Amino acid sequence: EEALRRHTAALGACTVEREGIAEELAERARLATEGRSEVQRLERLATEMRTELEELRGGIHRCRNDPEAERLRTERDSLIVEVRSESQRQIDLRDELEAERTSWGFMCLR
């Protein structure tokens, strides 16, 4: 009778432990499923990003090899040089004008 009581108590404890382990197993399975879903989502995203990167590289390559774009870049560079030169020319003309004014001012004082 004592042995039966001990076995019954042990069986109850094992049942409780088994239920705890079953719950933990179910939770781990749920987390594993979520993890696999996240990995699949990230793999799809990575594939999309690789595709987009290849498209961007292709666009850059086409742009670099586009004769019209090259002509426009050359024209832009030429205009930059021309604007800088014109700006310096304006500075030189202002300095020259100021020098002329100064010299006329001295001549008028005489």
PDB file of N, CA and C in Angstrom:
ATOM      1  N   GLU A   1       0.817  -1.180   0.000  1.00  0.00           N
ATOM      2  CA  GLU A   1       0.000   0.000   0.000  1.00  0.00           C
ATOM      3  C   GLU A   1       0.874   1.263   0.000  1.00  0.00           C
ATOM      4  N   GLU A   2       1.892   1.288   0.788  1.00  0.00           N
ATOM      5  CA  GLU A   2       2.839   2.416   0.817  1.00  0.00           C
ATOM      6  C   GLU A   2       3.541   2.547  -0.533  1.00  0.00           C
ATOM      7  N   ALA A   3       3.936   1.444  -1.100  1.00  0.00           N
ATOM      8  CA  ALA A   3       4.601   1.451  -2.405  1.00  0.00           C
ATOM      9  C   ALA A   3       3.652   1.971  -3.472  1.00  0.00           C
ATOM     10  N   LEU A   4       2.390   1.585  -3.397  1.00  0.00           N
ATOM     11  CA  LEU A   4       1.400   2.045  -4.336  1.00  0.00           C
ATOM     12  C   LEU A   4       1.217   3.557  -4.222  1.00  0.00           C
ATOM     13  N   ARG A   5       1.191   4.043  -3.008  1.00  0.00           N
ATOM     14  CA  ARG A   5       1.053   5.475  -2.778  1.00  0.00           C
ATOM     15  C   ARG A   5       2.271   6.220  -3.328  1.00  0.00           C
ATOM     16  N   ARG A   6       3.470   5.697  -3.113  1.00  0.00           N
ATOM     17  CA  ARG A   6       4.686   6.326  -3.619  1.00  0.00           C
ATOM     18  C   ARG A   6       4.698   6.321  -5.143  1.00  0.00           C
ATOM     19  N   HIS A   7       4.292   5.200  -5.730  1.00  0.00           N
ATOM     20  CA  HIS A   7       4.255   5.108  -7.192  1.00  0.00           C
ATOM     21  C   HIS A   7       3.212   6.059  -7.767  1.00  0.00           C
ATOM     22  N   THR A   8       2.075   6.178  -7.103  1.00  0.00           N
ATOM     23  CA  THR A   8       1.029   7.083  -7.558  1.00  0.00           C
ATOM     24  C   THR A   8       1.523   8.526  -7.483  1.00  0.00           C
ATOM     25  N   ALA A   9       2.212   8.869  -6.379  1.00  0.00           N
ATOM     26  CA  ALA A   9       2.760  10.219  -6.226  1.00  0.00           C
ATOM     27  C   ALA A   9       3.820  10.476  -7.294  1.00  0.00           C
ATOM     28  N   ALA A  10       4.679   9.480  -7.544  1.00  0.00           N
ATOM     29  CA  ALA A  10       5.721   9.623  -8.559  1.00  0.00           C
ATOM     30  C   ALA A  10       5.091   9.755  -9.939  1.00  0.00           C
ATOM     31  N   LEU A  11       4.038   8.973 -10.187  1.00  0.00           N
ATOM     32  CA  LEU A  11       3.345   9.048 -11.470  1.00  0.00           C
ATOM     33  C   LEU A  11       2.724  10.432 -11.651  1.00  0.00           C
ATOM     34  N   GLY A  12       2.164  10.990 -10.609  1.00  0.00           N
ATOM     35  CA  GLY A  12       1.582  12.337 -10.664  1.00  0.00           C
ATOM     36  C   GLY A  12       2.662  13.367 -10.963  1.00  0.00           C
ATOM     37  N   ALA A  13       3.807  13.232 -10.293  1.00  0.00           N
ATOM     38  CA  ALA A  13       4.917  14.160 -10.520  1.00  0.00           C
ATOM     39  C   ALA A  13       5.426  14.045 -11.950  1.00  0.00           C
ATOM     40  N   CYS A  14       5.518  12.818 -12.439  1.00  0.00           N
ATOM     41  CA  CYS A  14       5.974  12.609 -13.821  1.00  0.00           C
ATOM     42  C   CYS A  14       4.984  13.207 -14.818  1.00  0.00           C
ATOM     43  N   THR A  15       3.687  13.069 -14.513  1.00  0.00           N
ATOM     44  CA  THR A  15       2.656  13.621 -15.394  1.00  0.00           C
ATOM     45  C   THR A  15       2.779  15.139 -15.463  1.00  0.00           C
ATOM     46  N   VAL A  16       2.966  15.764 -14.289  1.00  0.00           N
ATOM     47  CA  VAL A  16       3.131  17.222 -14.245  1.00  0.00           C
ATOM     48  C   VAL A  16       4.383  17.629 -15.021  1.00  0.00           C
ATOM     49  N   GLU A  17       5.484  16.899 -14.808  1.00  0.00           N
ATOM     50  CA  GLU A  17       6.735  17.216 -15.505  1.00  0.00           C
ATOM     51  C   GLU A  17       6.575  17.020 -17.015  1.00  0.00           C
ATOM     52  N   ARG A  18       5.877  15.912 -17.398  1.00  0.00           N
ATOM     53  CA  ARG A  18       5.645  15.643 -18.810  1.00  0.00           C
ATOM     54  C   ARG A  18       4.820  16.756 -19.444  1.00  0.00           C
ATOM     55  N   GLU A  19       3.812  17.262 -18.767  1.00  0.00           N
ATOM     56  CA  GLU A  19       2.987  18.348 -19.288  1.00  0.00           C
ATOM     57  C   GLU A  19       3.829  19.622 -19.468  1.00  0.00           C
ATOM     58  N   GLY A  20       4.708  19.877 -18.486  1.00  0.00           N
ATOM     59  CA  GLY A  20       5.606  21.036 -18.589  1.00  0.00           C
ATOM     60  C   GLY A  20       6.538  20.910 -19.781  1.00  0.00           C
ATOM     61  N   ILE A  21       7.074  19.710 -19.969  1.00  0.00           N
ATOM     62  CA  ILE A  21       7.986  19.469 -21.092  1.00  0.00           C
ATOM     63  C   ILE A  21       7.216  19.577 -22.413  1.00  0.00           C
ATOM     64  N   ALA A  22       5.974  19.062 -22.449  1.00  0.00           N
ATOM     65  CA  ALA A  22       5.160  19.146 -23.671  1.00  0.00           C
ATOM     66  C   ALA A  22       4.870  20.612 -24.009  1.00  0.00           C
ATOM     67  N   GLU A  23       4.566  21.428 -23.000  1.00  0.00           N
ATOM     68  CA  GLU A  23       4.318  22.854 -23.235  1.00  0.00           C
ATOM     69  C   GLU A  23       5.571  23.546 -23.758  1.00  0.00           C
ATOM     70  N   GLU A  24       6.706  23.214 -23.148  1.00  0.00           N
ATOM     71  CA  GLU A  24       7.971  23.796 -23.590  1.00  0.00           C
ATOM     72  C   GLU A  24       8.287  23.372 -25.027  1.00  0.00           C
ATOM     73  N   LEU A  25       8.029  22.106 -25.336  1.00  0.00           N
ATOM     74  CA  LEU A  25       8.268  21.598 -26.692  1.00  0.00           C
ATOM     75  C   LEU A  25       7.374  22.330 -27.696  1.00  0.00           C
ATOM     76  N   ALA A  26       6.105  22.537 -27.344  1.00  0.00           N
ATOM     77  CA  ALA A  26       5.185  23.245 -28.228  1.00  0.00           C
ATOM     78  C   ALA A  26       5.660  24.690 -28.443  1.00  0.00           C
ATOM     79  N   GLU A  27       6.107  25.335 -27.381  1.00  0.00           N
ATOM     80  CA  GLU A  27       6.608  26.707 -27.485  1.00  0.00           C
ATOM     81  C   GLU A  27       7.852  26.760 -28.373  1.00  0.00           C
ATOM     82  N   ARG A  28       8.762  25.809 -28.184  1.00  0.00           N
ATOM     83  CA  ARG A  28       9.980  25.764 -29.010  1.00  0.00           C
ATOM     84  C   ARG A  28       9.634  25.509 -30.481  1.00  0.00           C
ATOM     85  N   ALA A  29       8.649  24.673 -30.721  1.00  0.00           N
ATOM     86  CA  ALA A  29       8.231  24.401 -32.101  1.00  0.00           C
ATOM     87  C   ALA A  29       7.641  25.664 -32.723  1.00  0.00           C
ATOM     88  N   ARG A  30       6.852  26.412 -31.955  1.00  0.00           N
ATOM     89  CA  ARG A  30       6.272  27.663 -32.443  1.00  0.00           C
ATOM     90  C   ARG A  30       7.377  28.664 -32.770  1.00  0.00           C
ATOM     91  N   LEU A  31       8.354  28.777 -31.876  1.00  0.00           N
ATOM     92  CA  LEU A  31       9.467  29.702 -32.114  1.00  0.00           C
ATOM     93  C   LEU A  31      10.288  29.288 -33.331  1.00  0.00           C
ATOM     94  N   ALA A  32      10.480  27.983 -33.506  1.00  0.00           N
ATOM     95  CA  ALA A  32      11.229  27.493 -34.668  1.00  0.00           C
ATOM     96  C   ALA A  32      10.487  27.833 -35.959  1.00  0.00           C
ATOM     97  N   THR A  33       9.165  27.671 -35.945  1.00  0.00           N
ATOM     98  CA  THR A  33       8.363  28.006 -37.126  1.00  0.00           C
ATOM     99  C   THR A  33       8.460  29.494 -37.432  1.00  0.00           C
ATOM    100  N   GLU A  34       8.352  30.315 -36.402  1.00  0.00           N
ATOM    101  CA  GLU A  34       8.492  31.762 -36.594  1.00  0.00           C
ATOM    102  C   GLU A  34       9.873  32.095 -37.135  1.00  0.00           C
ATOM    103  N   GLY A  35      10.889  31.435 -36.604  1.00  0.00           N
ATOM    104  CA  GLY A  35      12.262  31.667 -37.062  1.00  0.00           C
ATOM    105  C   GLY A  35      12.432  31.297 -38.528  1.00  0.00           C
ATOM    106  N   ARG A  36      11.850  30.165 -38.932  1.00  0.00           N
ATOM    107  CA  ARG A  36      11.945  29.755 -40.342  1.00  0.00           C
ATOM    108  C   ARG A  36      11.221  30.758 -41.236  1.00  0.00           C
ATOM    109  N   SER A  37      10.075  31.236 -40.781  1.00  0.00           N
ATOM    110  CA  SER A  37       9.327  32.233 -41.562  1.00  0.00           C
ATOM    111  C   SER A  37      10.148  33.511 -41.719  1.00  0.00           C
ATOM    112  N   GLU A  38      10.796  33.928 -40.665  1.00  0.00           N
ATOM    113  CA  GLU A  38      11.625  35.146 -40.716  1.00  0.00           C
ATOM    114  C   GLU A  38      12.818  34.947 -41.651  1.00  0.00           C
ATOM    115  N   VAL A  39      13.434  33.780 -41.595  1.00  0.00           N
ATOM    116  CA  VAL A  39      14.561  33.488 -42.486  1.00  0.00           C
ATOM    117  C   VAL A  39      14.100  33.525 -43.944  1.00  0.00           C
ATOM    118  N   GLN A  40      12.940  32.932 -44.219  1.00  0.00           N
ATOM    119  CA  GLN A  40      12.414  32.952 -45.588  1.00  0.00           C
ATOM    120  C   GLN A  40      12.126  34.378 -46.042  1.00  0.00           C
ATOM    121  N   ARG A  41      11.554  35.187 -45.152  1.00  0.00           N
ATOM    122  CA  ARG A  41      11.273  36.583 -45.484  1.00  0.00           C
ATOM    123  C   ARG A  41      12.566  37.322 -45.805  1.00  0.00           C
ATOM    124  N   LEU A  42      13.592  37.097 -44.985  1.00  0.00           N
ATOM    125  CA  LEU A  42      14.875  37.762 -45.208  1.00  0.00           C
ATOM    126  C   LEU A  42      15.546  37.283 -46.489  1.00  0.00           C
ATOM    127  N   GLU A  43      15.397  36.007 -46.801  1.00  0.00           N
ATOM    128  CA  GLU A  43      15.961  35.492 -48.049  1.00  0.00           C
ATOM    129  C   GLU A  43      15.279  36.132 -49.254  1.00  0.00           C
ATOM    130  N   ARG A  44      13.941  36.298 -49.197  1.00  0.00           N
ATOM    131  CA  ARG A  44      13.225  36.971 -50.288  1.00  0.00           C
ATOM    132  C   ARG A  44      13.685  38.417 -50.411  1.00  0.00           C
ATOM    133  N   LEU A  45      13.818  39.076 -49.270  1.00  0.00           N
ATOM    134  CA  LEU A  45      14.271  40.470 -49.268  1.00  0.00           C
ATOM    135  C   LEU A  45      15.677  40.585 -49.853  1.00  0.00           C
ATOM    136  N   ALA A  46      16.560  39.679 -49.474  1.00  0.00           N
ATOM    137  CA  ALA A  46      17.934  39.692 -49.995  1.00  0.00           C
ATOM    138  C   ALA A  46      17.933  39.487 -51.508  1.00  0.00           C
ATOM    139  N   THR A  47      17.079  38.591 -51.991  1.00  0.00           N
ATOM    140  CA  THR A  47      16.991  38.356 -53.433  1.00  0.00           C
ATOM    141  C   THR A  47      16.506  39.612 -54.148  1.00  0.00           C
ATOM    142  N   GLU A  48      15.481  40.258 -53.593  1.00  0.00           N
ATOM    143  CA  GLU A  48      14.980  41.494 -54.189  1.00  0.00           C
ATOM    144  C   GLU A  48      16.057  42.572 -54.198  1.00  0.00           C
ATOM    145  N   MET A  49      16.808  42.669 -53.106  1.00  0.00           N
ATOM    146  CA  MET A  49      17.858  43.689 -53.021  1.00  0.00           C
ATOM    147  C   MET A  49      18.982  43.399 -54.015  1.00  0.00           C
ATOM    148  N   ARG A  50      19.331  42.114 -54.191  1.00  0.00           N
ATOM    149  CA  ARG A  50      20.363  41.768 -55.170  1.00  0.00           C
ATOM    150  C   ARG A  50      19.902  42.128 -56.580  1.00  0.00           C
ATOM    151  N   THR A  51      18.636  41.875 -56.870  1.00  0.00           N
ATOM    152  CA  THR A  51      18.086  42.224 -58.182  1.00  0.00           C
ATOM    153  C   THR A  51      18.133  43.732 -58.392  1.00  0.00           C
ATOM    154  N   GLU A  52      17.713  44.482 -57.377  1.00  0.00           N
ATOM    155  CA  GLU A  52      17.730  45.943 -57.474  1.00  0.00           C
ATOM    156  C   GLU A  52      19.155  46.462 -57.656  1.00  0.00           C
ATOM    157  N   LEU A  53      20.109  45.868 -56.935  1.00  0.00           N
ATOM    158  CA  LEU A  53      21.505  46.271 -57.063  1.00  0.00           C
ATOM    159  C   LEU A  53      22.006  46.036 -58.484  1.00  0.00           C
ATOM    160  N   GLU A  54      21.668  44.900 -59.063  1.00  0.00           N
ATOM    161  CA  GLU A  54      22.089  44.612 -60.437  1.00  0.00           C
ATOM    162  C   GLU A  54      21.473  45.613 -61.411  1.00  0.00           C
ATOM    163  N   GLU A  55      20.206  45.970 -61.183  1.00  0.00           N
ATOM    164  CA  GLU A  55      19.564  46.964 -62.046  1.00  0.00           C
ATOM    165  C   GLU A  55      20.264  48.316 -61.922  1.00  0.00           C
ATOM    166  N   LEU A  56      20.624  48.698 -60.697  1.00  0.00           N
ATOM    167  CA  LEU A  56      21.331  49.966 -60.497  1.00  0.00           C
ATOM    168  C   LEU A  56      22.703  49.945 -61.167  1.00  0.00           C
ATOM    169  N   ARG A  57      23.396  48.836 -61.033  1.00  0.00           N
ATOM    170  CA  ARG A  57      24.708  48.720 -61.693  1.00  0.00           C
ATOM    171  C   ARG A  57      24.564  48.842 -63.201  1.00  0.00           C
ATOM    172  N   GLY A  58      23.537  48.195 -63.743  1.00  0.00           N
ATOM    173  CA  GLY A  58      23.293  48.286 -65.182  1.00  0.00           C
ATOM    174  C   GLY A  58      23.007  49.722 -65.594  1.00  0.00           C
ATOM    175  N   GLY A  59      22.198  50.422 -64.795  1.00  0.00           N
ATOM    176  CA  GLY A  59      21.894  51.820 -65.089  1.00  0.00           C
ATOM    177  C   GLY A  59      23.124  52.690 -65.049  1.00  0.00           C
ATOM    178  N   ILE A  60      23.975  52.463 -64.062  1.00  0.00           N
ATOM    179  CA  ILE A  60      25.225  53.230 -63.954  1.00  0.00           C
ATOM    180  C   ILE A  60      26.107  52.951 -65.169  1.00  0.00           C
ATOM    181  N   HIS A  61      26.188  51.684 -65.537  1.00  0.00           N
ATOM    182  CA  HIS A  61      27.013  51.312 -66.696  1.00  0.00           C
ATOM    183  C   HIS A  61      26.482  51.977 -67.970  1.00  0.00           C
ATOM    184  N   ARG A  62      25.157  51.948 -68.150  1.00  0.00           N
ATOM    185  CA  ARG A  62      24.568  52.577 -69.337  1.00  0.00           C
ATOM    186  C   ARG A  62      24.827  54.083 -69.321  1.00  0.00           C
ATOM    187  N   CYS A  63      24.733  54.688 -68.140  1.00  0.00           N
ATOM    188  CA  CYS A  63      24.949  56.131 -68.027  1.00  0.00           C
ATOM    189  C   CYS A  63      26.399  56.484 -68.367  1.00  0.00           C
ATOM    190  N   ARG A  64      27.325  55.690 -67.868  1.00  0.00           N
ATOM    191  CA  ARG A  64      28.742  55.966 -68.146  1.00  0.00           C
ATOM    192  C   ARG A  64      29.063  55.804 -69.626  1.00  0.00           C
ATOM    193  N   ASN A  65      28.356  54.915 -70.298  1.00  0.00           N
ATOM    194  CA  ASN A  65      28.641  54.646 -71.705  1.00  0.00           C
ATOM    195  C   ASN A  65      27.699  55.398 -72.643  1.00  0.00           C
ATOM    196  N   ASP A  66      26.911  56.302 -72.124  1.00  0.00           N
ATOM    197  CA  ASP A  66      25.962  57.059 -72.930  1.00  0.00           C
ATOM    198  C   ASP A  66      26.668  58.264 -73.551  1.00  0.00           C
ATOM    199  N   PRO A  67      26.730  58.327 -74.880  1.00  0.00           N
ATOM    200  CA  PRO A  67      27.429  59.445 -75.534  1.00  0.00           C
ATOM    201  C   PRO A  67      26.794  60.798 -75.207  1.00  0.00           C
ATOM    202  N   GLU A  68      25.483  60.840 -75.103  1.00  0.00           N
ATOM    203  CA  GLU A  68      24.807  62.099 -74.780  1.00  0.00           C
ATOM    204  C   GLU A  68      25.192  62.567 -73.376  1.00  0.00           C
ATOM    205  N   ALA A  69      25.236  61.630 -72.431  1.00  0.00           N
ATOM    206  CA  ALA A  69      25.639  61.987 -71.070  1.00  0.00           C
ATOM    207  C   ALA A  69      27.085  62.478 -71.054  1.00  0.00           C
ATOM    208  N   GLU A  70      27.944  61.833 -71.818  1.00  0.00           N
ATOM    209  CA  GLU A  70      29.352  62.256 -71.891  1.00  0.00           C
ATOM    210  C   GLU A  70      29.459  63.654 -72.494  1.00  0.00           C
ATOM    211  N   ARG A  71      28.670  63.925 -73.551  1.00  0.00           N
ATOM    212  CA  ARG A  71      28.675  65.239 -74.170  1.00  0.00           C
ATOM    213  C   ARG A  71      28.208  66.300 -73.173  1.00  0.00           C
ATOM    214  N   LEU A  72      27.174  65.967 -72.413  1.00  0.00           N
ATOM    215  CA  LEU A  72      26.661  66.922 -71.418  1.00  0.00           C
ATOM    216  C   LEU A  72      27.669  67.165 -70.300  1.00  0.00           C
ATOM    217  N   ARG A  73      28.363  66.110 -69.869  1.00  0.00           N
ATOM    218  CA  ARG A  73      29.395  66.289 -68.830  1.00  0.00           C
ATOM    219  C   ARG A  73      30.511  67.191 -69.338  1.00  0.00           C
ATOM    220  N   THR A  74      30.926  66.980 -70.589  1.00  0.00           N
ATOM    221  CA  THR A  74      31.978  67.807 -71.181  1.00  0.00           C
ATOM    222  C   THR A  74      31.516  69.255 -71.286  1.00  0.00           C
ATOM    223  N   GLU A  75      30.281  69.446 -71.733  1.00  0.00           N
ATOM    224  CA  GLU A  75      29.730  70.796 -71.845  1.00  0.00           C
ATOM    225  C   GLU A  75      29.653  71.464 -70.472  1.00  0.00           C
ATOM    226  N   ARG A  76      29.218  70.711 -69.466  1.00  0.00           N
ATOM    227  CA  ARG A  76      29.156  71.248 -68.099  1.00  0.00           C
ATOM    228  C   ARG A  76      30.536  71.687 -67.628  1.00  0.00           C
ATOM    229  N   ASP A  77      31.537  70.830 -67.822  1.00  0.00           N
ATOM    230  CA  ASP A  77      32.897  71.164 -67.389  1.00  0.00           C
ATOM    231  C   ASP A  77      33.409  72.410 -68.110  1.00  0.00           C
ATOM    232  N   SER A  78      33.104  72.504 -69.390  1.00  0.00           N
ATOM    233  CA  SER A  78      33.520  73.675 -70.171  1.00  0.00           C
ATOM    234  C   SER A  78      32.854  74.938 -69.646  1.00  0.00           C
ATOM    235  N   LEU A  79      31.556  74.841 -69.333  1.00  0.00           N
ATOM    236  CA  LEU A  79      30.839  76.007 -68.802  1.00  0.00           C
ATOM    237  C   LEU A  79      31.370  76.424 -67.430  1.00  0.00           C
ATOM    238  N   ILE A  80      31.763  75.459 -66.617  1.00  0.00           N
ATOM    239  CA  ILE A  80      32.338  75.777 -65.303  1.00  0.00           C
ATOM    240  C   ILE A  80      33.620  76.586 -65.484  1.00  0.00           C
ATOM    241  N   VAL A  81      34.466  76.146 -66.403  1.00  0.00           N
ATOM    242  CA  VAL A  81      35.712  76.868 -66.678  1.00  0.00           C
ATOM    243  C   VAL A  81      35.398  78.266 -67.207  1.00  0.00           C
ATOM    244  N   GLU A  82      34.415  78.356 -68.110  1.00  0.00           N
ATOM    245  CA  GLU A  82      34.049  79.646 -68.683  1.00  0.00           C
ATOM    246  C   GLU A  82      33.502  80.597 -67.612  1.00  0.00           C
ATOM    247  N   VAL A  83      32.684  80.103 -66.716  1.00  0.00           N
ATOM    248  CA  VAL A  83      32.127  80.946 -65.645  1.00  0.00           C
ATOM    249  C   VAL A  83      33.240  81.437 -64.730  1.00  0.00           C
ATOM    250  N   ARG A  84      34.177  80.566 -64.389  1.00  0.00           N
ATOM    251  CA  ARG A  84      35.296  80.982 -63.536  1.00  0.00           C
ATOM    252  C   ARG A  84      36.136  82.059 -64.229  1.00  0.00           C
ATOM    253  N   SER A  85      36.371  81.848 -65.517  1.00  0.00           N
ATOM    254  CA  SER A  85      37.159  82.814 -66.275  1.00  0.00           C
ATOM    255  C   SER A  85      36.433  84.154 -66.347  1.00  0.00           C
ATOM    256  N   GLU A  86      35.136  84.132 -66.604  1.00  0.00           N
ATOM    257  CA  GLU A  86      34.349  85.354 -66.694  1.00  0.00           C
ATOM    258  C   GLU A  86      34.305  86.067 -65.347  1.00  0.00           C
ATOM    259  N   SER A  87      34.205  85.286 -64.281  1.00  0.00           N
ATOM    260  CA  SER A  87      34.196  85.875 -62.942  1.00  0.00           C
ATOM    261  C   SER A  87      35.515  86.596 -62.670  1.00  0.00           C
ATOM    262  N   GLN A  88      36.625  85.983 -63.030  1.00  0.00           N
ATOM    263  CA  GLN A  88      37.930  86.617 -62.849  1.00  0.00           C
ATOM    264  C   GLN A  88      38.046  87.860 -63.729  1.00  0.00           C
ATOM    265  N   ARG A  89      37.496  87.781 -64.939  1.00  0.00           N
ATOM    266  CA  ARG A  89      37.527  88.933 -65.848  1.00  0.00           C
ATOM    267  C   ARG A  89      36.762  90.118 -65.246  1.00  0.00           C
ATOM    268  N   GLN A  90      35.607  89.834 -64.631  1.00  0.00           N
ATOM    269  CA  GLN A  90      34.833  90.898 -63.986  1.00  0.00           C
ATOM    270  C   GLN A  90      35.608  91.530 -62.830  1.00  0.00           C
ATOM    271  N   ILE A  91      36.289  90.711 -62.064  1.00  0.00           N
ATOM    272  CA  ILE A  91      37.110  91.230 -60.953  1.00  0.00           C
ATOM    273  C   ILE A  91      38.211  92.129 -61.511  1.00  0.00           C
ATOM    274  N   ASP A  92      38.875  91.654 -62.567  1.00  0.00           N
ATOM    275  CA  ASP A  92      39.948  92.450 -63.178  1.00  0.00           C
ATOM    276  C   ASP A  92      39.412  93.782 -63.722  1.00  0.00           C
ATOM    277  N   LEU A  93      38.239  93.759 -64.362  1.00  0.00           N
ATOM    278  CA  LEU A  93      37.654  94.992 -64.895  1.00  0.00           C
ATOM    279  C   LEU A  93      37.265  95.959 -63.783  1.00  0.00           C
ATOM    280  N   ARG A  94      36.725  95.444 -62.679  1.00  0.00           N
ATOM    281  CA  ARG A  94      36.391  96.304 -61.539  1.00  0.00           C
ATOM    282  C   ARG A  94      37.645  96.959 -60.976  1.00  0.00           C
ATOM    283  N   ASP A  95      38.720  96.155 -60.841  1.00  0.00           N
ATOM    284  CA  ASP A  95      39.989  96.702 -60.345  1.00  0.00           C
ATOM    285  C   ASP A  95      40.524  97.778 -61.290  1.00  0.00           C
ATOM    286  N   GLU A  96      40.418  97.508 -62.580  1.00  0.00           N
ATOM    287  CA  GLU A  96      40.896  98.470 -63.574  1.00  0.00           C
ATOM    288  C   GLU A  96      40.067  99.760 -63.519  1.00  0.00           C
ATOM    289  N   LEU A  97      38.752  99.618 -63.403  1.00  0.00           N
ATOM    290  CA  LEU A  97      37.866 100.768 -63.307  1.00  0.00           C
ATOM    291  C   LEU A  97      38.179 101.590 -62.057  1.00  0.00           C
ATOM    292  N   GLU A  98      38.397 100.911 -60.959  1.00  0.00           N
ATOM    293  CA  GLU A  98      38.721 101.607 -59.697  1.00  0.00           C
ATOM    294  C   GLU A  98      40.047 102.352 -59.831  1.00  0.00           C
ATOM    295  N   ALA A  99      41.019 101.726 -60.505  1.00  0.00           N
ATOM    296  CA  ALA A  99      42.310 102.384 -60.720  1.00  0.00           C
ATOM    297  C   ALA A  99      42.124 103.628 -61.588  1.00  0.00           C
ATOM    298  N   GLU A 100      41.284 103.542 -62.616  1.00  0.00           N
ATOM    299  CA  GLU A 100      41.013 104.700 -63.473  1.00  0.00           C
ATOM    300  C   GLU A 100      40.340 105.817 -62.672  1.00  0.00           C
ATOM    301  N   ARG A 101      39.374 105.473 -61.840  1.00  0.00           N
ATOM    302  CA  ARG A 101      38.695 106.481 -61.022  1.00  0.00           C
ATOM    303  C   ARG A 101      39.685 107.189 -60.106  1.00  0.00           C
ATOM    304  N   THR A 102      40.553 106.409 -59.507  1.00  0.00           N
ATOM    305  CA  THR A 102      41.544 106.969 -58.593  1.00  0.00           C
ATOM    306  C   THR A 102      42.463 107.921 -59.349  1.00  0.00           C
ATOM    307  N   SER A 103      42.899 107.489 -60.528  1.00  0.00           N
ATOM    308  CA  SER A 103      43.817 108.347 -61.285  1.00  0.00           C
ATOM    309  C   SER A 103      43.111 109.616 -61.757  1.00  0.00           C
ATOM    310  N   TRP A 104      41.848 109.546 -62.145  1.00  0.00           N
ATOM    311  CA  TRP A 104      41.106 110.754 -62.534  1.00  0.00           C
ATOM    312  C   TRP A 104      40.871 111.656 -61.338  1.00  0.00           C
ATOM    313  N   GLY A 105      40.688 111.043 -60.197  1.00  0.00           N
ATOM    314  CA  GLY A 105      40.501 111.832 -58.976  1.00  0.00           C
ATOM    315  C   GLY A 105      41.725 112.662 -58.662  1.00  0.00           C
ATOM    316  N   PHE A 106      42.903 112.063 -58.840  1.00  0.00           N
ATOM    317  CA  PHE A 106      44.144 112.811 -58.591  1.00  0.00           C
ATOM    318  C   PHE A 106      44.333 113.901 -59.644  1.00  0.00           C
ATOM    319  N   MET A 107      43.965 113.625 -60.864  1.00  0.00           N
ATOM    320  CA  MET A 107      44.121 114.607 -61.939  1.00  0.00           C
ATOM    321  C   MET A 107      43.199 115.800 -61.727  1.00  0.00           C
ATOM    322  N   CYS A 108      42.002 115.521 -61.213  1.00  0.00           N
ATOM    323  CA  CYS A 108      41.049 116.623 -60.972  1.00  0.00           C
ATOM    324  C   CYS A 108      41.499 117.492 -59.815  1.00  0.00           C
ATOM    325  N   LEU A 109      42.248 116.964 -58.871  1.00  0.00           N
ATOM    326  CA  LEU A 109      42.706 117.742 -57.730  1.00  0.00           C
ATOM    327  C   LEU A 109      43.811 118.716 -58.141  1.00  0.00           C
ATOM    328  N   ARG A 110      44.503 118.476 -59.196  1.00  0.00           N
ATOM    329  CA  ARG A 110      45.626 119.322 -59.618  1.00  0.00           C
ATOM    330  C   ARG A 110      45.166 120.551 -60.198  1.00  0.00           C
TER     331      ARG A 110
END
